[in-house]
N, C-alpha and C. Protein backbone atom coordinates (compact mmCIF):
# COMPACT_ATOMS: atom_id res chain seq x y z
N MET A 1 -11.31 20.53 -5.94
CA MET A 1 -10.52 20.44 -7.15
C MET A 1 -11.09 21.43 -8.17
N GLU A 2 -10.20 22.11 -8.85
CA GLU A 2 -10.60 23.08 -9.87
C GLU A 2 -11.27 22.38 -11.04
N ARG A 3 -12.22 23.05 -11.63
CA ARG A 3 -12.97 22.50 -12.77
C ARG A 3 -12.05 22.16 -13.94
N GLU A 4 -11.06 23.01 -14.20
CA GLU A 4 -10.13 22.75 -15.31
C GLU A 4 -9.33 21.48 -15.06
N THR A 5 -8.94 21.25 -13.82
CA THR A 5 -8.20 20.03 -13.48
C THR A 5 -9.09 18.82 -13.72
N GLU A 6 -10.34 18.91 -13.34
CA GLU A 6 -11.28 17.80 -13.54
C GLU A 6 -11.41 17.48 -15.03
N LYS A 7 -11.47 18.51 -15.87
CA LYS A 7 -11.58 18.31 -17.32
C LYS A 7 -10.36 17.58 -17.87
N ILE A 8 -9.18 17.95 -17.40
CA ILE A 8 -7.95 17.31 -17.85
C ILE A 8 -7.94 15.83 -17.47
N LEU A 9 -8.31 15.53 -16.24
CA LEU A 9 -8.32 14.15 -15.78
C LEU A 9 -9.37 13.33 -16.52
N GLU A 10 -10.47 13.95 -16.86
CA GLU A 10 -11.51 13.26 -17.63
C GLU A 10 -11.02 12.95 -19.04
N LYS A 11 -10.30 13.87 -19.66
CA LYS A 11 -9.75 13.62 -21.00
C LYS A 11 -8.76 12.45 -20.97
N ILE A 12 -7.98 12.36 -19.93
CA ILE A 12 -7.04 11.25 -19.79
C ILE A 12 -7.81 9.93 -19.70
N ARG A 13 -8.83 9.88 -18.88
CA ARG A 13 -9.62 8.66 -18.71
C ARG A 13 -10.28 8.25 -20.02
N LYS A 14 -10.88 9.22 -20.70
CA LYS A 14 -11.56 8.92 -21.96
C LYS A 14 -10.59 8.41 -23.02
N LYS A 15 -9.42 9.01 -23.09
CA LYS A 15 -8.43 8.58 -24.09
C LYS A 15 -7.97 7.15 -23.79
N ARG A 16 -7.76 6.82 -22.54
CA ARG A 16 -7.35 5.45 -22.18
C ARG A 16 -8.44 4.48 -22.58
N GLN A 17 -9.67 4.82 -22.31
CA GLN A 17 -10.78 3.94 -22.66
C GLN A 17 -10.95 3.81 -24.17
N GLU A 18 -10.78 4.90 -24.90
CA GLU A 18 -10.86 4.86 -26.37
C GLU A 18 -9.83 3.90 -26.95
N LYS A 19 -8.65 3.92 -26.37
CA LYS A 19 -7.57 3.06 -26.84
C LYS A 19 -7.65 1.64 -26.29
N LYS A 20 -8.65 1.42 -25.43
CA LYS A 20 -8.87 0.10 -24.83
C LYS A 20 -7.62 -0.42 -24.10
N ILE A 21 -7.03 0.49 -23.32
CA ILE A 21 -5.86 0.15 -22.51
C ILE A 21 -6.34 0.02 -21.07
N SER A 22 -5.97 -1.06 -20.42
CA SER A 22 -6.39 -1.26 -19.04
C SER A 22 -5.64 -0.32 -18.10
N LEU A 23 -6.24 -0.09 -16.95
CA LEU A 23 -5.56 0.71 -15.91
C LEU A 23 -4.20 0.13 -15.59
N LEU A 24 -4.16 -1.20 -15.45
CA LEU A 24 -2.91 -1.87 -15.07
C LEU A 24 -1.84 -1.69 -16.14
N ASN A 25 -2.20 -1.87 -17.40
CA ASN A 25 -1.21 -1.72 -18.47
C ASN A 25 -0.68 -0.30 -18.57
N LEU A 26 -1.56 0.68 -18.49
CA LEU A 26 -1.12 2.07 -18.56
C LEU A 26 -0.27 2.42 -17.34
N ALA A 27 -0.71 2.01 -16.18
CA ALA A 27 0.05 2.29 -14.96
C ALA A 27 1.46 1.71 -15.05
N ASN A 28 1.56 0.48 -15.55
CA ASN A 28 2.87 -0.15 -15.69
C ASN A 28 3.75 0.62 -16.66
N GLU A 29 3.18 1.07 -17.76
CA GLU A 29 3.94 1.82 -18.75
C GLU A 29 4.42 3.16 -18.20
N VAL A 30 3.58 3.78 -17.38
CA VAL A 30 3.91 5.09 -16.81
C VAL A 30 4.86 4.97 -15.60
N GLY A 31 4.80 3.82 -14.94
CA GLY A 31 5.66 3.62 -13.77
C GLY A 31 5.00 3.99 -12.46
N ILE A 32 3.67 3.87 -12.41
CA ILE A 32 2.93 4.12 -11.18
C ILE A 32 2.05 2.90 -10.90
N SER A 33 1.50 2.82 -9.71
CA SER A 33 0.62 1.70 -9.39
C SER A 33 -0.74 1.90 -10.06
N HIS A 34 -1.43 0.79 -10.30
CA HIS A 34 -2.75 0.91 -10.92
C HIS A 34 -3.73 1.63 -10.00
N SER A 35 -3.54 1.49 -8.69
CA SER A 35 -4.42 2.20 -7.76
C SER A 35 -4.17 3.71 -7.83
N HIS A 36 -2.92 4.11 -8.03
CA HIS A 36 -2.61 5.53 -8.18
C HIS A 36 -3.31 6.08 -9.43
N LEU A 37 -3.23 5.33 -10.53
CA LEU A 37 -3.89 5.76 -11.76
C LEU A 37 -5.41 5.79 -11.57
N TYR A 38 -5.94 4.83 -10.86
CA TYR A 38 -7.38 4.82 -10.58
C TYR A 38 -7.78 6.09 -9.82
N TYR A 39 -7.00 6.45 -8.81
CA TYR A 39 -7.32 7.66 -8.03
C TYR A 39 -7.19 8.93 -8.88
N ILE A 40 -6.26 8.93 -9.82
CA ILE A 40 -6.13 10.07 -10.73
C ILE A 40 -7.38 10.17 -11.60
N GLU A 41 -7.76 9.05 -12.23
CA GLU A 41 -8.91 9.07 -13.13
C GLU A 41 -10.22 9.33 -12.41
N SER A 42 -10.31 8.93 -11.16
CA SER A 42 -11.54 9.16 -10.41
C SER A 42 -11.53 10.53 -9.72
N LYS A 43 -10.49 11.30 -10.01
CA LYS A 43 -10.38 12.69 -9.53
C LYS A 43 -10.25 12.79 -8.01
N ARG A 44 -9.67 11.77 -7.42
CA ARG A 44 -9.44 11.79 -5.97
C ARG A 44 -8.10 12.42 -5.62
N ILE A 45 -7.16 12.35 -6.56
CA ILE A 45 -5.86 13.01 -6.37
C ILE A 45 -5.49 13.73 -7.65
N VAL A 46 -4.66 14.74 -7.52
CA VAL A 46 -4.15 15.48 -8.66
C VAL A 46 -2.70 15.04 -8.87
N PRO A 47 -2.41 14.50 -10.06
CA PRO A 47 -1.04 14.02 -10.30
C PRO A 47 -0.08 15.18 -10.52
N SER A 48 1.20 14.88 -10.38
CA SER A 48 2.22 15.87 -10.68
C SER A 48 2.28 16.09 -12.18
N VAL A 49 2.87 17.17 -12.59
CA VAL A 49 3.03 17.46 -14.01
C VAL A 49 3.85 16.35 -14.66
N ASP A 50 4.84 15.85 -13.96
CA ASP A 50 5.68 14.77 -14.47
C ASP A 50 4.84 13.54 -14.81
N VAL A 51 3.94 13.17 -13.94
CA VAL A 51 3.08 12.01 -14.18
C VAL A 51 2.12 12.29 -15.34
N ILE A 52 1.57 13.48 -15.42
CA ILE A 52 0.69 13.83 -16.52
C ILE A 52 1.43 13.70 -17.86
N VAL A 53 2.65 14.18 -17.91
CA VAL A 53 3.45 14.10 -19.13
C VAL A 53 3.68 12.63 -19.50
N LYS A 54 4.01 11.80 -18.55
CA LYS A 54 4.24 10.38 -18.81
C LYS A 54 2.97 9.70 -19.31
N ILE A 55 1.84 10.05 -18.72
CA ILE A 55 0.56 9.46 -19.14
C ILE A 55 0.24 9.88 -20.57
N THR A 56 0.40 11.15 -20.88
CA THR A 56 0.06 11.62 -22.22
C THR A 56 0.97 10.99 -23.27
N LYS A 57 2.23 10.80 -22.94
CA LYS A 57 3.15 10.14 -23.87
C LYS A 57 2.72 8.69 -24.09
N ALA A 58 2.37 8.01 -23.03
CA ALA A 58 1.96 6.60 -23.13
C ALA A 58 0.68 6.46 -23.94
N LEU A 59 -0.19 7.45 -23.87
CA LEU A 59 -1.46 7.42 -24.60
C LEU A 59 -1.34 8.03 -26.00
N ASP A 60 -0.16 8.52 -26.34
CA ASP A 60 0.05 9.22 -27.60
C ASP A 60 -0.96 10.36 -27.73
N LEU A 61 -1.08 11.09 -26.65
CA LEU A 61 -2.00 12.22 -26.54
C LEU A 61 -1.18 13.50 -26.37
N PRO A 62 -1.16 14.35 -27.39
CA PRO A 62 -0.39 15.59 -27.26
C PRO A 62 -0.82 16.37 -26.01
N LEU A 63 0.14 16.80 -25.26
CA LEU A 63 -0.13 17.53 -24.02
C LEU A 63 -1.04 18.73 -24.27
N LYS A 64 -0.85 19.41 -25.38
CA LYS A 64 -1.67 20.59 -25.68
C LYS A 64 -3.15 20.24 -25.80
N ASN A 65 -3.47 18.99 -26.16
CA ASN A 65 -4.87 18.59 -26.29
C ASN A 65 -5.62 18.56 -24.95
N LEU A 66 -4.89 18.51 -23.87
CA LEU A 66 -5.52 18.54 -22.56
C LEU A 66 -6.07 19.91 -22.23
N PHE A 67 -5.60 20.93 -22.93
CA PHE A 67 -5.97 22.30 -22.61
C PHE A 67 -6.90 22.94 -23.63
N ASP A 68 -7.39 22.16 -24.56
CA ASP A 68 -8.32 22.68 -25.59
C ASP A 68 -9.70 22.82 -25.02
């Protein structure tokens, strides 16, 4: 996995934790399984752009902030 991708996935995980949102609650809001979200956050799989956009919207995290 590319280093930049790892950084993006780490920012998603940190933002979810900062907001104190459980994996299950975020996964439900995004429309994916909690295990899928777990694999994304643990950097085992790379999500589609569509899923990344849904996650950032659910976290109220501007997409551009993933690339800073």
